[in-house]
Amino acid sequence: MSLGDTPAVARRRVRLAIRDARNAKGYTQGQVADAMDWSLSKVMRIESGEVTISQNDLRPLLNYLGIRDRAVVESLVQSAKASKQRRQWWDEPRFQGMLTPAMRQLIGFEAEATVIRHFYPMFFPGVLQTREYARGIMEQYSHELTPKEMDARIEARIRRKQGLLQRQPRPRIFTLLDASVLLRTNGIGDNNLGKQLTEVTEAIKDGWLAARIYPFDKPHPGIGTFEILYLEAEDLTHAVLYRESLVLDEIVEEAPRIQQHRALWDRMWSAAISDARSAEMISARAEELNGSDR
């Protein structure tokens, strides 16, 4: 295990090693489950990152998959141990069953990412949302989510933001927003949208957030929300992709798919309004909305 491995990074390292070794052997997840006398669900959840794997389970699994080099085995065992070191706030009972597996993974990666690149065509990213703005977003899903699920997800967004603000140093965040986010109130009223824009303005002034507005006169690719998070160096080896649509979401780790999204993000970022001008637009809109309720 690398000295800098944190729980989310360590867990990812172990499960990718397991998945890659299984694929190299040509085994299915069902074959692994049968050989280890486990349920198929257990294998799937280990490989997806939903659960950690114990040292007692990991050693025989690595042997079955042909990983027998002592140094490699011990390194993976240490990573498995590191992945269980801390219990996080999203493990609290109030969040159990309220967050999707992909969302739980996103939160873990987000808490340790060095660089995050957002593409949000309709609203601000969850980690930047005020409570009122998050409530407005969640109420759009009242037919898909229970009130308890909505409350838990709103609270999770606030806790994510608090964790981000407490980090030293904070990750570098680059947020690409459609021009419509400056206009759409999401049912929360002008004043609350003004507060949201003010918080974003302050984050930009603090220097850890860069935001660009994608203008109406540019062609839109018609895809949904996604985030690319880099857990160490900003390269594909350390990148994960999070995508969502309606109440469906997923974590993607296949390099070609991540590269495809990054290439699209880069093209749109280059075509968007400059950092400085975008900051001015966000600030001006915040002042306009905050003044409308005086």
C-alpha atoms as a PDB file:
ATOM      1  CA  MET A   1       0.000   0.000   0.000  1.00  0.00           C
ATOM      2  CA  SER A   2       1.241   3.485  -0.793  1.00  0.00           C
ATOM      3  CA  LEU A   3       1.874   5.571   2.289  1.00  0.00           C
ATOM      4  CA  GLY A   4      -0.633   8.146   1.089  1.00  0.00           C
ATOM      5  CA  ASP A   5      -3.481   5.693   0.549  1.00  0.00           C
ATOM      6  CA  THR A   6      -6.691   6.827   2.214  1.00  0.00           C
ATOM      7  CA  PRO A   7      -9.721   4.537   2.784  1.00  0.00           C
ATOM      8  CA  ALA A   8     -11.501   5.262  -0.502  1.00  0.00           C
ATOM      9  CA  VAL A   9      -8.276   5.041  -2.505  1.00  0.00           C
ATOM     10  CA  ALA A  10      -7.233   1.851  -0.713  1.00  0.00           C
ATOM     11  CA  ARG A  11     -10.612   0.211  -1.296  1.00  0.00           C
ATOM     12  CA  ARG A  12     -10.492   1.127  -4.971  1.00  0.00           C
ATOM     13  CA  ARG A  13      -6.986  -0.333  -5.311  1.00  0.00           C
ATOM     14  CA  VAL A  14      -8.055  -3.678  -3.833  1.00  0.00           C
ATOM     15  CA  ARG A  15     -11.240  -4.102  -5.831  1.00  0.00           C
ATOM     16  CA  LEU A  16      -9.578  -3.149  -9.112  1.00  0.00           C
ATOM     17  CA  ALA A  17      -6.815  -5.662  -8.436  1.00  0.00           C
ATOM     18  CA  ILE A  18      -9.464  -8.336  -7.803  1.00  0.00           C
ATOM     19  CA  ARG A  19     -11.458  -7.448 -10.903  1.00  0.00           C
ATOM     20  CA  ASP A  20      -8.405  -7.272 -13.158  1.00  0.00           C
ATOM     21  CA  ALA A  21      -7.049 -10.597 -11.886  1.00  0.00           C
ATOM     22  CA  ARG A  22     -10.441 -12.275 -12.392  1.00  0.00           C
ATOM     23  CA  ASN A  23     -10.674 -10.934 -15.936  1.00  0.00           C
ATOM     24  CA  ALA A  24      -7.100 -12.040 -16.667  1.00  0.00           C
ATOM     25  CA  LYS A  25      -8.043 -15.582 -15.618  1.00  0.00           C
ATOM     26  CA  GLY A  26     -11.222 -15.448 -17.685  1.00  0.00           C
ATOM     27  CA  TYR A  27     -13.393 -16.211 -14.662  1.00  0.00           C
ATOM     28  CA  THR A  28     -16.933 -14.926 -14.278  1.00  0.00           C
ATOM     29  CA  GLN A  29     -18.115 -13.434 -11.010  1.00  0.00           C
ATOM     30  CA  GLY A  30     -20.321 -16.510 -10.635  1.00  0.00           C
ATOM     31  CA  GLN A  31     -17.323 -18.821 -10.911  1.00  0.00           C
ATOM     32  CA  VAL A  32     -15.499 -16.850  -8.231  1.00  0.00           C
ATOM     33  CA  ALA A  33     -18.555 -17.013  -5.986  1.00  0.00           C
ATOM     34  CA  ASP A  34     -18.821 -20.795  -6.411  1.00  0.00           C
ATOM     35  CA  ALA A  35     -15.109 -21.355  -5.817  1.00  0.00           C
ATOM     36  CA  MET A  36     -15.065 -19.233  -2.660  1.00  0.00           C
ATOM     37  CA  ASP A  37     -18.456 -20.520  -1.447  1.00  0.00           C
ATOM     38  CA  TRP A  38     -19.805 -16.969  -1.455  1.00  0.00           C
ATOM     39  CA  SER A  39     -22.976 -15.494  -2.864  1.00  0.00           C
ATOM     40  CA  LEU A  40     -22.769 -13.851  -6.280  1.00  0.00           C
ATOM     41  CA  SER A  41     -24.017 -10.669  -4.636  1.00  0.00           C
ATOM     42  CA  LYS A  42     -20.974 -10.609  -2.347  1.00  0.00           C
ATOM     43  CA  VAL A  43     -18.551 -10.799  -5.265  1.00  0.00           C
ATOM     44  CA  MET A  44     -20.433  -8.124  -7.170  1.00  0.00           C
ATOM     45  CA  ARG A  45     -20.519  -5.785  -4.175  1.00  0.00           C
ATOM     46  CA  ILE A  46     -16.802  -6.232  -3.493  1.00  0.00           C
ATOM     47  CA  GLU A  47     -15.892  -5.459  -7.102  1.00  0.00           C
ATOM     48  CA  SER A  48     -18.256  -2.481  -7.282  1.00  0.00           C
ATOM     49  CA  GLY A  49     -16.879  -1.007  -4.055  1.00  0.00           C
ATOM     50  CA  GLU A  50     -20.145  -1.222  -2.135  1.00  0.00           C
ATOM     51  CA  VAL A  51     -18.442  -3.238   0.605  1.00  0.00           C
ATOM     52  CA  THR A  52     -14.890  -3.809   1.761  1.00  0.00           C
ATOM     53  CA  ILE A  53     -13.284  -7.250   1.886  1.00  0.00           C
ATOM     54  CA  SER A  54     -11.791  -8.722   5.045  1.00  0.00           C
ATOM     55  CA  GLN A  55      -8.198  -9.902   5.199  1.00  0.00           C
ATOM     56  CA  ASN A  56      -9.402 -13.448   5.874  1.00  0.00           C
ATOM     57  CA  ASP A  57     -11.446 -13.394   2.673  1.00  0.00           C
ATOM     58  CA  LEU A  58      -8.841 -11.570   0.621  1.00  0.00           C
ATOM     59  CA  ARG A  59      -5.921 -13.966   1.066  1.00  0.00           C
ATOM     60  CA  PRO A  60      -7.666 -17.113  -0.265  1.00  0.00           C
ATOM     61  CA  LEU A  61      -9.304 -15.069  -3.029  1.00  0.00           C
ATOM     62  CA  LEU A  62      -5.945 -13.748  -4.211  1.00  0.00           C
ATOM     63  CA  ASN A  63      -4.553 -17.292  -4.163  1.00  0.00           C
ATOM     64  CA  TYR A  64      -7.485 -18.525  -6.272  1.00  0.00           C
ATOM     65  CA  LEU A  65      -6.963 -15.671  -8.730  1.00  0.00           C
ATOM     66  CA  GLY A  66      -3.285 -16.493  -9.090  1.00  0.00           C
ATOM     67  CA  ILE A  67      -1.867 -13.551  -7.134  1.00  0.00           C
ATOM     68  CA  ARG A  68       0.764 -15.265  -4.993  1.00  0.00           C
ATOM     69  CA  ASP A  69       3.726 -12.890  -4.937  1.00  0.00           C
ATOM     70  CA  ARG A  70       4.235 -12.254  -1.237  1.00  0.00           C
ATOM     71  CA  ALA A  71       4.969  -8.536  -1.601  1.00  0.00           C
ATOM     72  CA  VAL A  72       1.922  -7.951  -3.786  1.00  0.00           C
ATOM     73  CA  VAL A  73      -0.331  -9.958  -1.474  1.00  0.00           C
ATOM     74  CA  GLU A  74       0.855  -8.113   1.627  1.00  0.00           C
ATOM     75  CA  SER A  75       0.473  -4.752  -0.102  1.00  0.00           C
ATOM     76  CA  LEU A  76      -3.142  -5.560  -1.017  1.00  0.00           C
ATOM     77  CA  VAL A  77      -3.838  -6.877   2.480  1.00  0.00           C
ATOM     78  CA  GLN A  78      -2.549  -3.600   3.943  1.00  0.00           C
ATOM     79  CA  SER A  79      -4.791  -1.693   1.533  1.00  0.00           C
ATOM     80  CA  ALA A  80      -7.767  -3.821   2.621  1.00  0.00           C
ATOM     81  CA  LYS A  81      -6.935  -2.963   6.215  1.00  0.00           C
ATOM     82  CA  ALA A  82      -6.667   0.752   5.401  1.00  0.00           C
ATOM     83  CA  SER A  83     -10.048   0.693   3.667  1.00  0.00           C
ATOM     84  CA  LYS A  84     -11.681  -0.219   6.999  1.00  0.00           C
ATOM     85  CA  GLN A  85      -9.801   2.234   9.209  1.00  0.00           C
ATOM     86  CA  ARG A  86     -12.381   4.968   9.565  1.00  0.00           C
ATOM     87  CA  ARG A  87     -16.125   5.061   9.915  1.00  0.00           C
ATOM     88  CA  GLN A  88     -17.447   8.050   7.980  1.00  0.00           C
ATOM     89  CA  TRP A  89     -20.516  10.223   8.465  1.00  0.00           C
ATOM     90  CA  TRP A  90     -22.278   8.558   5.533  1.00  0.00           C
ATOM     91  CA  ASP A  91     -22.112   5.288   7.477  1.00  0.00           C
ATOM     92  CA  GLU A  92     -24.463   6.748  10.111  1.00  0.00           C
ATOM     93  CA  PRO A  93     -27.851   4.976  10.455  1.00  0.00           C
ATOM     94  CA  ARG A  94     -29.794   7.981   9.130  1.00  0.00           C
ATOM     95  CA  PHE A  95     -28.122   7.572   5.723  1.00  0.00           C
ATOM     96  CA  GLN A  96     -28.409   3.792   5.490  1.00  0.00           C
ATOM     97  CA  GLY A  97     -30.530   2.863   2.471  1.00  0.00           C
ATOM     98  CA  MET A  98     -31.108   6.539   1.662  1.00  0.00           C
ATOM     99  CA  LEU A  99     -28.118   7.000  -0.674  1.00  0.00           C
ATOM    100  CA  THR A 100     -27.404   4.948  -3.771  1.00  0.00           C
ATOM    101  CA  PRO A 101     -24.254   2.777  -3.808  1.00  0.00           C
ATOM    102  CA  ALA A 102     -22.785   5.045  -6.491  1.00  0.00           C
ATOM    103  CA  MET A 103     -23.534   8.136  -4.409  1.00  0.00           C
ATOM    104  CA  ARG A 104     -21.803   6.610  -1.374  1.00  0.00           C
ATOM    105  CA  GLN A 105     -18.756   5.921  -3.532  1.00  0.00           C
ATOM    106  CA  LEU A 106     -18.865   9.452  -4.933  1.00  0.00           C
ATOM    107  CA  ILE A 107     -18.876  10.941  -1.437  1.00  0.00           C
ATOM    108  CA  GLY A 108     -15.866   8.843  -0.448  1.00  0.00           C
ATOM    109  CA  PHE A 109     -13.945   9.811  -3.570  1.00  0.00           C
ATOM    110  CA  GLU A 110     -15.003  13.447  -3.290  1.00  0.00           C
ATOM    111  CA  ALA A 111     -13.645  13.619   0.263  1.00  0.00           C
ATOM    112  CA  GLU A 112     -10.199  12.633  -0.999  1.00  0.00           C
ATOM    113  CA  ALA A 113     -10.041  14.017  -4.552  1.00  0.00           C
ATOM    114  CA  THR A 114      -7.300  16.461  -5.499  1.00  0.00           C
ATOM    115  CA  VAL A 115      -9.099  17.793  -8.599  1.00  0.00           C
ATOM    116  CA  ILE A 116     -12.811  17.703  -9.493  1.00  0.00           C
ATOM    117  CA  ARG A 117     -14.276  18.702 -12.849  1.00  0.00           C
ATOM    118  CA  HIS A 118     -18.058  19.190 -12.990  1.00  0.00           C
ATOM    119  CA  PHE A 119     -20.434  19.408 -15.914  1.00  0.00           C
ATOM    120  CA  TYR A 120     -23.855  20.619 -14.743  1.00  0.00           C
ATOM    121  CA  PRO A 121     -26.203  21.852 -17.486  1.00  0.00           C
ATOM    122  CA  MET A 122     -29.260  22.528 -15.295  1.00  0.00           C
ATOM    123  CA  PHE A 123     -28.200  23.376 -11.748  1.00  0.00           C
ATOM    124  CA  PHE A 124     -25.245  23.796  -9.411  1.00  0.00           C
ATOM    125  CA  PRO A 125     -23.339  20.685  -8.283  1.00  0.00           C
ATOM    126  CA  GLY A 126     -24.618  19.101  -5.083  1.00  0.00           C
ATOM    127  CA  VAL A 127     -21.412  19.801  -3.163  1.00  0.00           C
ATOM    128  CA  LEU A 128     -21.858  23.550  -3.827  1.00  0.00           C
ATOM    129  CA  GLN A 129     -25.579  23.809  -3.049  1.00  0.00           C
ATOM    130  CA  THR A 130     -27.153  25.752  -0.207  1.00  0.00           C
ATOM    131  CA  ARG A 131     -29.780  23.923   1.828  1.00  0.00           C
ATOM    132  CA  GLU A 132     -32.616  25.901   0.219  1.00  0.00           C
ATOM    133  CA  TYR A 133     -31.315  25.272  -3.285  1.00  0.00           C
ATOM    134  CA  ALA A 134     -30.880  21.543  -2.538  1.00  0.00           C
ATOM    135  CA  ARG A 135     -34.463  21.409  -1.233  1.00  0.00           C
ATOM    136  CA  GLY A 136     -35.717  22.953  -4.464  1.00  0.00           C
ATOM    137  CA  ILE A 137     -33.835  20.372  -6.519  1.00  0.00           C
ATOM    138  CA  MET A 138     -35.000  17.434  -4.403  1.00  0.00           C
ATOM    139  CA  GLU A 139     -38.642  18.446  -4.533  1.00  0.00           C
ATOM    140  CA  GLN A 140     -38.556  17.887  -8.275  1.00  0.00           C
ATOM    141  CA  TYR A 141     -38.167  14.170  -7.483  1.00  0.00           C
ATOM    142  CA  SER A 142     -41.094  13.846  -5.072  1.00  0.00           C
ATOM    143  CA  HIS A 143     -42.639  11.153  -7.289  1.00  0.00           C
ATOM    144  CA  GLU A 144     -39.452   9.064  -7.245  1.00  0.00           C
ATOM    145  CA  LEU A 145     -38.152   9.616  -3.688  1.00  0.00           C
ATOM    146  CA  THR A 146     -39.799   9.408  -0.278  1.00  0.00           C
ATOM    147  CA  PRO A 147     -39.670  12.458   2.041  1.00  0.00           C
ATOM    148  CA  LYS A 148     -37.174  10.585   4.216  1.00  0.00           C
ATOM    149  CA  GLU A 149     -34.924   9.912   1.218  1.00  0.00           C
ATOM    150  CA  MET A 150     -35.112  13.541   0.146  1.00  0.00           C
ATOM    151  CA  ASP A 151     -34.245  14.796   3.641  1.00  0.00           C
ATOM    152  CA  ALA A 152     -31.277  12.413   3.871  1.00  0.00           C
ATOM    153  CA  ARG A 153     -29.952  13.446   0.467  1.00  0.00           C
ATOM    154  CA  ILE A 154     -30.286  17.140   1.282  1.00  0.00           C
ATOM    155  CA  GLU A 155     -28.430  16.623   4.548  1.00  0.00           C
ATOM    156  CA  ALA A 156     -25.777  14.620   2.698  1.00  0.00           C
ATOM    157  CA  ARG A 157     -25.179  17.543   0.349  1.00  0.00           C
ATOM    158  CA  ILE A 158     -24.723  19.905   3.265  1.00  0.00           C
ATOM    159  CA  ARG A 159     -22.344  17.497   5.001  1.00  0.00           C
ATOM    160  CA  ARG A 160     -20.367  17.105   1.772  1.00  0.00           C
ATOM    161  CA  LYS A 161     -19.975  20.863   1.500  1.00  0.00           C
ATOM    162  CA  GLN A 162     -18.946  21.171   5.135  1.00  0.00           C
ATOM    163  CA  GLY A 163     -16.321  18.472   4.609  1.00  0.00           C
ATOM    164  CA  LEU A 164     -15.021  20.245   1.534  1.00  0.00           C
ATOM    165  CA  LEU A 165     -14.687  23.555   3.361  1.00  0.00           C
ATOM    166  CA  GLN A 166     -12.810  21.871   6.225  1.00  0.00           C
ATOM    167  CA  ARG A 167     -10.199  20.275   3.972  1.00  0.00           C
ATOM    168  CA  GLN A 168      -6.708  21.766   3.907  1.00  0.00           C
ATOM    169  CA  PRO A 169      -5.740  22.108   1.200  1.00  0.00           C
ATOM    170  CA  ARG A 170      -9.044  22.000  -0.615  1.00  0.00           C
ATOM    171  CA  PRO A 171      -9.254  20.244  -3.968  1.00  0.00           C
ATOM    172  CA  ARG A 172      -9.171  22.341  -7.107  1.00  0.00           C
ATOM    173  CA  ILE A 173     -12.702  22.427  -8.535  1.00  0.00           C
ATOM    174  CA  PHE A 174     -13.604  23.410 -12.087  1.00  0.00           C
ATOM    175  CA  THR A 175     -17.349  23.742 -12.653  1.00  0.00           C
ATOM    176  CA  LEU A 176     -18.896  24.058 -16.097  1.00  0.00           C
ATOM    177  CA  LEU A 177     -22.427  25.463 -15.961  1.00  0.00           C
ATOM    178  CA  ASP A 178     -25.046  26.143 -18.594  1.00  0.00           C
ATOM    179  CA  ALA A 179     -26.221  29.769 -18.769  1.00  0.00           C
ATOM    180  CA  SER A 180     -29.673  28.616 -17.689  1.00  0.00           C
ATOM    181  CA  VAL A 181     -28.502  28.089 -14.081  1.00  0.00           C
ATOM    182  CA  LEU A 182     -28.419  31.882 -13.690  1.00  0.00           C
ATOM    183  CA  LEU A 183     -32.127  32.060 -14.484  1.00  0.00           C
ATOM    184  CA  ARG A 184     -33.770  28.885 -13.177  1.00  0.00           C
ATOM    185  CA  THR A 185     -35.028  29.301  -9.594  1.00  0.00           C
ATOM    186  CA  ASN A 186     -36.121  25.648  -9.202  1.00  0.00           C
ATOM    187  CA  GLY A 187     -39.149  26.767  -7.239  1.00  0.00           C
ATOM    188  CA  ILE A 188     -37.133  28.379  -4.418  1.00  0.00           C
ATOM    189  CA  GLY A 189     -37.653  32.023  -5.401  1.00  0.00           C
ATOM    190  CA  ASP A 190     -35.312  34.790  -6.454  1.00  0.00           C
ATOM    191  CA  ASN A 191     -33.927  35.428  -2.980  1.00  0.00           C
ATOM    192  CA  ASN A 192     -32.771  31.846  -2.425  1.00  0.00           C
ATOM    193  CA  LEU A 193     -31.253  31.650  -5.891  1.00  0.00           C
ATOM    194  CA  GLY A 194     -29.467  34.890  -5.053  1.00  0.00           C
ATOM    195  CA  LYS A 195     -28.029  33.305  -1.903  1.00  0.00           C
ATOM    196  CA  GLN A 196     -26.846  30.318  -3.926  1.00  0.00           C
ATOM    197  CA  LEU A 197     -25.128  32.557  -6.452  1.00  0.00           C
ATOM    198  CA  THR A 198     -23.555  34.597  -3.644  1.00  0.00           C
ATOM    199  CA  GLU A 199     -22.011  31.466  -2.104  1.00  0.00           C
ATOM    200  CA  VAL A 200     -20.579  30.455  -5.452  1.00  0.00           C
ATOM    201  CA  THR A 201     -19.206  33.967  -5.932  1.00  0.00           C
ATOM    202  CA  GLU A 202     -17.448  33.771  -2.556  1.00  0.00           C
ATOM    203  CA  ALA A 203     -15.962  30.361  -3.420  1.00  0.00           C
ATOM    204  CA  ILE A 204     -14.577  31.798  -6.647  1.00  0.00           C
ATOM    205  CA  LYS A 205     -13.076  34.745  -4.761  1.00  0.00           C
ATOM    206  CA  ASP A 206     -11.501  32.338  -2.260  1.00  0.00           C
ATOM    207  CA  GLY A 207      -9.619  30.767  -5.158  1.00  0.00           C
ATOM    208  CA  TRP A 208     -10.544  27.079  -4.849  1.00  0.00           C
ATOM    209  CA  LEU A 209     -13.388  27.179  -7.376  1.00  0.00           C
ATOM    210  CA  ALA A 210     -13.233  28.127 -11.045  1.00  0.00           C
ATOM    211  CA  ALA A 211     -16.547  28.338 -12.889  1.00  0.00           C
ATOM    212  CA  ARG A 212     -17.403  28.987 -16.503  1.00  0.00           C
ATOM    213  CA  ILE A 213     -20.774  29.678 -18.078  1.00  0.00           C
ATOM    214  CA  TYR A 214     -21.590  27.848 -21.287  1.00  0.00           C
ATOM    215  CA  PRO A 215     -23.545  30.371 -23.394  1.00  0.00           C
ATOM    216  CA  PHE A 216     -26.874  29.865 -25.128  1.00  0.00           C
ATOM    217  CA  ASP A 217     -25.398  30.496 -28.573  1.00  0.00           C
ATOM    218  CA  LYS A 218     -23.099  27.457 -28.395  1.00  0.00           C
ATOM    219  CA  PRO A 219     -24.254  23.948 -29.433  1.00  0.00           C
ATOM    220  CA  HIS A 220     -25.144  21.672 -26.529  1.00  0.00           C
ATOM    221  CA  PRO A 221     -24.256  17.948 -26.593  1.00  0.00           C
ATOM    222  CA  GLY A 222     -27.543  16.998 -24.927  1.00  0.00           C
ATOM    223  CA  ILE A 223     -26.007  14.810 -22.227  1.00  0.00           C
ATOM    224  CA  GLY A 224     -26.692  14.738 -18.503  1.00  0.00           C
ATOM    225  CA  THR A 225     -24.715  15.639 -15.425  1.00  0.00           C
ATOM    226  CA  PHE A 226     -21.268  14.166 -14.835  1.00  0.00           C
ATOM    227  CA  GLU A 227     -18.216  14.673 -12.661  1.00  0.00           C
ATOM    228  CA  ILE A 228     -14.629  13.539 -13.138  1.00  0.00           C
ATOM    229  CA  LEU A 229     -12.672  13.149  -9.915  1.00  0.00           C
ATOM    230  CA  TYR A 230      -8.913  12.669  -9.694  1.00  0.00           C
ATOM    231  CA  LEU A 231      -7.738  10.891  -6.561  1.00  0.00           C
ATOM    232  CA  GLU A 232      -4.039  11.631  -6.950  1.00  0.00           C
ATOM    233  CA  ALA A 233      -2.339  12.920 -10.106  1.00  0.00           C
ATOM    234  CA  GLU A 234      -4.678  14.313 -12.743  1.00  0.00           C
ATOM    235  CA  ASP A 235      -4.444  11.363 -15.146  1.00  0.00           C
ATOM    236  CA  LEU A 236      -6.640   8.440 -16.177  1.00  0.00           C
ATOM    237  CA  THR A 237      -4.931   6.045 -13.753  1.00  0.00           C
ATOM    238  CA  HIS A 238      -6.357   7.985 -10.820  1.00  0.00           C
ATOM    239  CA  ALA A 239      -9.655   9.139 -12.356  1.00  0.00           C
ATOM    240  CA  VAL A 240     -13.245   8.101 -11.722  1.00  0.00           C
ATOM    241  CA  LEU A 241     -16.389   9.306 -13.467  1.00  0.00           C
ATOM    242  CA  TYR A 242     -19.757   9.847 -11.813  1.00  0.00           C
ATOM    243  CA  ARG A 243     -22.856  10.180 -14.009  1.00  0.00           C
ATOM    244  CA  GLU A 244     -26.508  10.631 -13.111  1.00  0.00           C
ATOM    245  CA  SER A 245     -29.879  10.946 -14.796  1.00  0.00           C
ATOM    246  CA  LEU A 246     -33.151  11.320 -12.900  1.00  0.00           C
ATOM    247  CA  VAL A 247     -32.593   9.040  -9.849  1.00  0.00           C
ATOM    248  CA  LEU A 248     -30.199   6.693 -11.660  1.00  0.00           C
ATOM    249  CA  ASP A 249     -26.470   7.081 -11.192  1.00  0.00           C
ATOM    250  CA  GLU A 250     -23.239   5.185 -11.679  1.00  0.00           C
ATOM    251  CA  ILE A 251     -19.509   5.226 -11.060  1.00  0.00           C
ATOM    252  CA  VAL A 252     -17.470   4.572 -14.198  1.00  0.00           C
ATOM    253  CA  GLU A 253     -13.824   3.499 -14.062  1.00  0.00           C
ATOM    254  CA  GLU A 254     -13.193   2.362 -17.641  1.00  0.00           C
ATOM    255  CA  ALA A 255     -10.460   4.616 -19.031  1.00  0.00           C
ATOM    256  CA  PRO A 256     -11.922   4.993 -22.565  1.00  0.00           C
ATOM    257  CA  ARG A 257     -15.272   6.223 -21.214  1.00  0.00           C
ATOM    258  CA  ILE A 258     -13.613   8.610 -18.792  1.00  0.00           C
ATOM    259  CA  GLN A 259     -11.372   9.938 -21.555  1.00  0.00           C
ATOM    260  CA  GLN A 260     -14.395  10.467 -23.805  1.00  0.00           C
ATOM    261  CA  HIS A 261     -16.130  12.564 -21.144  1.00  0.00           C
ATOM    262  CA  ARG A 262     -12.954  14.510 -20.367  1.00  0.00           C
ATOM    263  CA  ALA A 263     -12.446  15.334 -24.055  1.00  0.00           C
ATOM    264  CA  LEU A 264     -16.014  16.628 -24.261  1.00  0.00           C
ATOM    265  CA  TRP A 265     -15.547  18.611 -21.051  1.00  0.00           C
ATOM    266  CA  ASP A 266     -12.346  20.189 -22.394  1.00  0.00           C
ATOM    267  CA  ARG A 267     -14.026  21.242 -25.641  1.00  0.00           C
ATOM    268  CA  MET A 268     -16.946  22.826 -23.816  1.00  0.00           C
ATOM    269  CA  TRP A 269     -14.699  24.486 -21.227  1.00  0.00           C
ATOM    270  CA  SER A 270     -12.687  26.079 -24.030  1.00  0.00           C
ATOM    271  CA  ALA A 271     -15.878  27.266 -25.766  1.00  0.00           C
ATOM    272  CA  ALA A 272     -17.391  28.662 -22.563  1.00  0.00           C
ATOM    273  CA  ILE A 273     -17.204  32.247 -21.310  1.00  0.00           C
ATOM    274  CA  SER A 274     -13.907  33.022 -19.548  1.00  0.00           C
ATOM    275  CA  ASP A 275     -13.387  32.487 -15.825  1.00  0.00           C
ATOM    276  CA  ALA A 276     -13.271  36.211 -15.115  1.00  0.00           C
ATOM    277  CA  ARG A 277     -16.318  37.118 -17.195  1.00  0.00           C
ATOM    278  CA  SER A 278     -18.293  34.139 -15.829  1.00  0.00           C
ATOM    279  CA  ALA A 279     -17.484  35.225 -12.276  1.00  0.00           C
ATOM    280  CA  GLU A 280     -18.746  38.713 -13.095  1.00  0.00           C
ATOM    281  CA  MET A 281     -21.982  37.293 -14.533  1.00  0.00           C
ATOM    282  CA  ILE A 282     -22.616  35.125 -11.474  1.00  0.00           C
ATOM    283  CA  SER A 283     -21.875  37.996  -9.085  1.00  0.00           C
ATOM    284  CA  ALA A 284     -24.020  40.462 -11.026  1.00  0.00           C
ATOM    285  CA  ARG A 285     -26.952  38.053 -11.122  1.00  0.00           C
ATOM    286  CA  ALA A 286     -26.601  37.457  -7.370  1.00  0.00           C
ATOM    287  CA  GLU A 287     -26.721  41.200  -6.688  1.00  0.00           C
ATOM    288  CA  GLU A 288     -29.732  41.586  -8.952  1.00  0.00           C
ATOM    289  CA  LEU A 289     -31.677  38.825  -7.206  1.00  0.00           C
ATOM    290  CA  ASN A 290     -30.643  39.808  -3.689  1.00  0.00           C
ATOM    291  CA  GLY A 291     -31.721  43.367  -4.381  1.00  0.00           C
ATOM    292  CA  SER A 292     -35.086  42.335  -5.815  1.00  0.00           C
ATOM    293  CA  ASP A 293     -36.408  41.336  -2.375  1.00  0.00           C
ATOM    294  CA  ARG A 294     -35.339  44.447  -0.493  1.00  0.00           C
END
